[in-house]
Amino acid sequence: MRIGAPVLLASSLAATAAGMSWAVRGRSSAVFGPSVWRGKPGRKAIALTFDDGPSPATPQILDILAGYGVCATFFQCGGNVLRAPELSQAARGAGHEIGNHSHTHPNFAFARQSFIEDEFLRAQAAIATATSAAPVLMRPPYGVRWFGFREVQRRLGLLGVMWSVIGRDWKLPALAVAERVLSRACDGGIVCLHDGRGTLKDPDISSTVEAVRRIVPGLLARGYHFETVSQLICPVTR
C-alpha cells in the first residue's frame, strides 16, 4: 500500500511539532542557548532550587534549610526582589545562590529578543542591587525558551538551568510533592520547587514549606549532600 502525500505531510508536521516542543521545553535541550539540567552522576550530591521568589514565606524555607545546614539556589523574579529586597539579601546572606528568573515571569514563547533581553536585564539589575552580586544562572519561567535566548544569555553571561525533577508544588499537596521528589531523586539531580507563585504579592506556599520539611531530611537520610547549582555542575575535588 502506498502512503499518500497527505499522510506523509501530516507525519512530517507532527514530527516537526514534537521537535519544536522539545527544543522549547525539553529539559535537556540546548537549542536556544547553553543549558544544564543535572550534574554529573557518581556523586551523592543534589541541588534544591526554588523559583518565583522572594515572597513573604521565603523566610520559612530559609529557616528549614538553616536548621539542617544545607544550601539551595533561588531563581528570583526581579519584580519580587524590588518589592522585598531584604528577602533576596537574606537568602544570599545565608549562603544560598541567587539566579535570574526574569522580571515579571512571562511566557517567552513567540516573544521578541528585545523583550526577552529587557526582562532578564531588569531582573539582573534588581538582584545585583539587592545582593551586591550579579547572577550567573538563569531559569526561564515555565521552562520555555525561544529564539533570541542564546544571544541574551551571551550578553548577560547567564547559563540556563532546567531540572531533573519538578515537584509540581503549585498544585499538589505537600505529601504528594515530597513523595514525587524523593521517588525521583538521583545523583547529580536538580530539584525544582517554588517559594513564590509568579509575581503574586503574598502567595500561599504552605504545601511547598511542608514538603521541604520532609524532603530535606529524607534526602539526607539517603546519604545525599546539598550543593548550589554552580557547585553541582562544577564540583571541587575534595
Protein backbone atom coordinates (compact mmCIF):
# COMPACT_ATOMS: atom_id res chain seq x y z
CA MET A 1 0.00 0.00 0.00
CA ARG A 2 1.38 3.38 -0.98
CA ILE A 3 1.35 6.11 1.61
CA GLY A 4 -0.40 9.18 0.23
CA ALA A 5 1.05 12.68 0.26
CA PRO A 6 -1.44 13.96 2.89
CA VAL A 7 -0.37 11.22 5.31
CA LEU A 8 3.32 11.93 4.75
CA LEU A 9 2.71 15.65 5.20
CA ALA A 10 0.78 15.06 8.44
CA SER A 11 3.55 12.81 9.77
CA SER A 12 6.18 15.38 8.87
CA LEU A 13 4.26 18.18 10.55
CA ALA A 14 3.74 16.08 13.69
CA ALA A 15 7.45 15.28 13.86
CA THR A 16 8.32 18.94 13.37
CA ALA A 17 5.91 20.00 16.12
CA ALA A 18 7.32 17.39 18.51
CA GLY A 19 10.85 18.51 17.76
CA MET A 20 9.96 22.15 18.32
CA SER A 21 8.23 21.33 21.59
CA TRP A 22 11.36 19.55 22.83
CA ALA A 23 13.58 22.45 21.73
CA VAL A 24 11.40 24.93 23.64
CA ARG A 25 10.71 22.97 26.84
CA GLY A 26 12.81 19.81 26.80
CA ARG A 27 14.88 19.69 29.97
CA SER A 28 17.98 18.50 28.10
CA SER A 29 17.55 20.89 25.17
CA ALA A 30 20.23 23.47 24.46
CA VAL A 31 18.81 24.50 21.09
CA PHE A 32 18.10 28.09 22.11
CA GLY A 33 21.07 28.56 24.43
CA PRO A 34 23.52 26.80 26.76
CA SER A 35 21.62 24.94 29.46
CA VAL A 36 22.09 22.22 32.09
CA TRP A 37 19.53 20.02 33.81
CA ARG A 38 21.65 17.83 36.10
CA GLY A 39 25.16 17.44 37.45
CA LYS A 40 27.49 14.59 36.66
CA PRO A 41 26.40 11.21 38.05
CA GLY A 42 28.56 9.31 40.51
CA ARG A 43 28.37 11.82 43.37
CA LYS A 44 25.76 11.74 46.14
CA ALA A 45 25.09 15.42 45.57
CA ILE A 46 21.81 17.13 44.78
CA ALA A 47 20.68 20.73 44.27
CA LEU A 48 17.44 22.14 45.62
CA THR A 49 16.17 25.08 43.60
CA PHE A 50 13.28 27.45 44.26
CA ASP A 51 11.56 29.61 41.62
CA ASP A 52 9.30 32.68 41.69
CA GLY A 53 10.51 34.27 44.92
CA PRO A 54 11.18 36.01 47.04
CA SER A 55 7.83 36.05 48.83
CA PRO A 56 6.79 36.75 52.42
CA ALA A 57 7.02 32.99 53.06
CA THR A 58 10.61 32.67 51.80
CA PRO A 59 12.00 33.04 55.36
CA GLN A 60 10.18 29.83 56.32
CA ILE A 61 12.13 27.99 53.62
CA LEU A 62 15.35 29.65 54.75
CA ASP A 63 14.73 28.58 58.35
CA ILE A 64 14.24 24.93 57.35
CA LEU A 65 17.40 24.93 55.25
CA ALA A 66 19.36 26.61 58.04
CA GLY A 67 18.13 24.04 60.52
CA TYR A 68 19.80 21.29 58.51
CA GLY A 69 22.75 23.36 57.38
CA VAL A 70 22.03 22.89 53.69
CA CYS A 71 22.25 25.28 50.75
CA ALA A 72 19.98 25.89 47.77
CA THR A 73 19.64 28.03 44.66
CA PHE A 74 16.84 30.59 44.41
CA PHE A 75 15.77 31.73 40.94
CA GLN A 76 14.15 35.06 41.73
CA CYS A 77 11.88 37.41 39.79
CA GLY A 78 13.17 40.94 39.58
CA GLY A 79 9.77 42.46 40.36
CA ASN A 80 9.54 40.42 43.55
CA VAL A 81 13.08 41.44 44.50
CA LEU A 82 12.21 45.11 44.08
CA ARG A 83 9.20 44.62 46.35
CA ALA A 84 11.23 42.91 49.09
CA PRO A 85 14.98 43.33 48.54
CA GLU A 86 15.68 42.34 52.14
CA LEU A 87 14.40 38.83 51.44
CA SER A 88 16.72 38.43 48.47
CA GLN A 89 19.56 39.75 50.59
CA ALA A 90 18.68 37.31 53.38
CA ALA A 91 18.89 34.34 51.02
CA ARG A 92 22.24 35.48 49.68
CA GLY A 93 23.49 36.27 53.18
CA ALA A 94 22.62 32.75 54.33
CA GLY A 95 24.96 31.30 51.70
CA HIS A 96 22.43 30.43 49.03
CA GLU A 97 22.90 31.08 45.34
CA ILE A 98 20.63 33.55 43.53
CA GLY A 99 19.66 33.05 39.90
CA ASN A 100 17.68 35.15 37.41
CA HIS A 101 14.07 34.10 36.74
CA SER A 102 13.08 37.14 34.62
CA HIS A 103 11.46 40.32 35.88
CA THR A 104 7.71 39.73 35.51
CA HIS A 105 7.53 35.94 34.95
CA PRO A 106 6.17 35.93 31.37
CA ASN A 107 5.84 33.03 28.97
CA PHE A 108 8.52 33.74 26.37
CA ALA A 109 7.02 31.67 23.53
CA PHE A 110 6.86 33.89 20.40
CA ALA A 111 8.49 36.79 22.29
CA ARG A 112 10.84 39.25 20.58
CA GLN A 113 14.50 39.15 21.55
CA SER A 114 14.32 42.74 22.76
CA PHE A 115 11.55 41.79 25.21
CA ILE A 116 13.47 38.73 26.42
CA GLU A 117 16.59 40.78 26.99
CA ASP A 118 14.73 43.53 28.82
CA GLU A 119 13.13 41.01 31.18
CA PHE A 120 16.40 39.39 32.20
CA LEU A 121 18.34 42.65 32.21
CA ARG A 122 15.88 44.28 34.63
CA ALA A 123 15.91 41.24 36.90
CA GLN A 124 19.70 41.10 36.76
CA ALA A 125 19.90 44.72 37.90
CA ALA A 126 17.35 44.27 40.72
CA ILE A 127 19.12 41.19 42.09
CA ALA A 128 22.58 42.71 41.82
CA THR A 129 21.42 45.83 43.65
CA ALA A 130 19.78 43.83 46.46
CA THR A 131 22.54 41.27 46.95
CA SER A 132 25.68 43.02 45.63
CA ALA A 133 26.22 40.03 43.33
CA ALA A 134 25.08 39.60 39.73
CA PRO A 135 23.58 36.17 38.92
CA VAL A 136 25.42 33.80 36.58
CA LEU A 137 22.48 31.41 36.24
CA MET A 138 19.03 31.87 34.75
CA ARG A 139 15.87 29.80 34.51
CA PRO A 140 13.07 30.77 32.11
CA PRO A 141 9.55 30.86 33.54
CA TYR A 142 7.62 27.67 32.72
CA GLY A 143 10.85 26.27 31.29
CA VAL A 144 10.05 27.98 27.97
CA ARG A 145 12.96 29.15 25.81
CA TRP A 146 12.72 30.85 22.44
CA PHE A 147 14.66 32.39 19.58
CA GLY A 148 16.93 35.12 20.95
CA PHE A 149 17.74 33.37 24.23
CA ARG A 150 21.24 32.37 23.13
CA GLU A 151 22.25 35.94 22.35
CA VAL A 152 20.64 37.28 25.54
CA GLN A 153 22.45 34.68 27.64
CA ARG A 154 25.73 35.54 25.91
CA ARG A 155 25.34 39.25 26.51
CA LEU A 156 24.41 38.83 30.17
CA GLY A 157 26.76 35.94 30.90
CA LEU A 158 23.98 33.60 32.04
CA LEU A 159 23.84 29.81 31.92
CA GLY A 160 20.37 28.28 31.61
CA VAL A 161 19.26 25.78 34.25
CA MET A 162 16.40 23.32 33.91
CA TRP A 163 15.75 20.39 36.29
CA SER A 164 15.79 16.62 36.65
CA VAL A 165 12.65 16.55 38.81
CA ILE A 166 9.94 19.15 39.33
CA GLY A 167 7.78 18.96 42.45
CA ARG A 168 4.60 20.47 40.95
CA ASP A 169 4.21 22.14 44.31
CA TRP A 170 1.99 24.86 42.87
CA LYS A 171 -0.87 22.36 42.61
CA LEU A 172 -0.10 19.19 44.60
CA PRO A 173 -0.46 18.73 48.38
CA ALA A 174 2.70 18.60 50.45
CA LEU A 175 2.83 14.82 50.87
CA ALA A 176 2.47 14.24 47.11
CA VAL A 177 5.17 16.83 46.40
CA ALA A 178 7.57 15.18 48.85
CA GLU A 179 6.86 11.70 47.52
CA ARG A 180 7.34 12.88 43.94
CA VAL A 181 10.73 14.42 44.71
CA LEU A 182 12.00 11.62 46.93
CA SER A 183 10.99 8.91 44.46
CA ARG A 184 12.76 10.66 41.57
CA ALA A 185 15.90 11.88 43.37
CA CYS A 186 19.17 10.83 41.78
CA ASP A 187 22.89 11.55 41.94
CA GLY A 188 23.53 14.99 40.48
CA GLY A 189 19.83 15.80 40.46
CA ILE A 190 18.41 19.31 40.26
CA VAL A 191 15.07 19.63 42.07
CA CYS A 192 12.67 22.42 41.09
CA LEU A 193 10.31 23.80 43.75
CA HIS A 194 8.76 27.25 44.26
CA ASP A 195 8.95 29.76 47.12
CA GLY A 196 6.56 32.05 45.26
CA ARG A 197 3.78 31.85 42.73
CA GLY A 198 4.72 34.02 39.78
CA THR A 199 4.58 37.66 40.87
CA LEU A 200 1.78 37.31 43.43
CA LYS A 201 2.42 39.62 46.37
CA ASP A 202 1.55 37.20 49.17
CA PRO A 203 1.13 33.68 47.73
CA ASP A 204 0.17 30.58 49.67
CA ILE A 205 3.19 28.28 49.52
CA SER A 206 2.27 26.20 52.56
CA SER A 207 2.42 23.00 50.51
CA THR A 208 5.98 23.81 49.47
CA VAL A 209 7.05 24.63 53.00
CA GLU A 210 5.67 21.39 54.41
CA ALA A 211 7.13 19.40 51.51
CA VAL A 212 10.59 20.85 52.18
CA ARG A 213 10.28 19.76 55.82
CA ARG A 214 10.01 16.20 54.51
CA ILE A 215 12.31 16.36 51.50
CA VAL A 216 15.46 17.66 53.19
CA PRO A 217 15.71 15.07 56.00
CA GLY A 218 14.54 12.38 53.58
CA LEU A 219 17.40 13.06 51.18
CA LEU A 220 19.93 13.43 53.98
CA ALA A 221 18.88 10.03 55.32
CA ARG A 222 19.67 8.56 51.89
CA GLY A 223 23.20 9.88 52.01
CA TYR A 224 22.81 12.92 49.80
CA HIS A 225 24.52 16.21 50.47
CA PHE A 226 23.20 19.51 49.14
CA GLU A 227 25.02 21.90 46.82
CA THR A 228 24.15 25.03 44.90
CA VAL A 229 23.69 24.55 41.17
CA SER A 230 27.08 26.12 40.46
CA GLN A 231 28.74 23.73 42.90
CA LEU A 232 26.89 20.78 41.42
CA ILE A 233 27.91 21.41 37.82
CA CYS A 234 31.47 22.46 38.72
CA PRO A 235 32.35 20.25 41.70
CA VAL A 236 35.52 20.92 43.66
CA THR A 237 37.64 17.84 44.27
CA ARG A 238 37.91 17.17 47.98
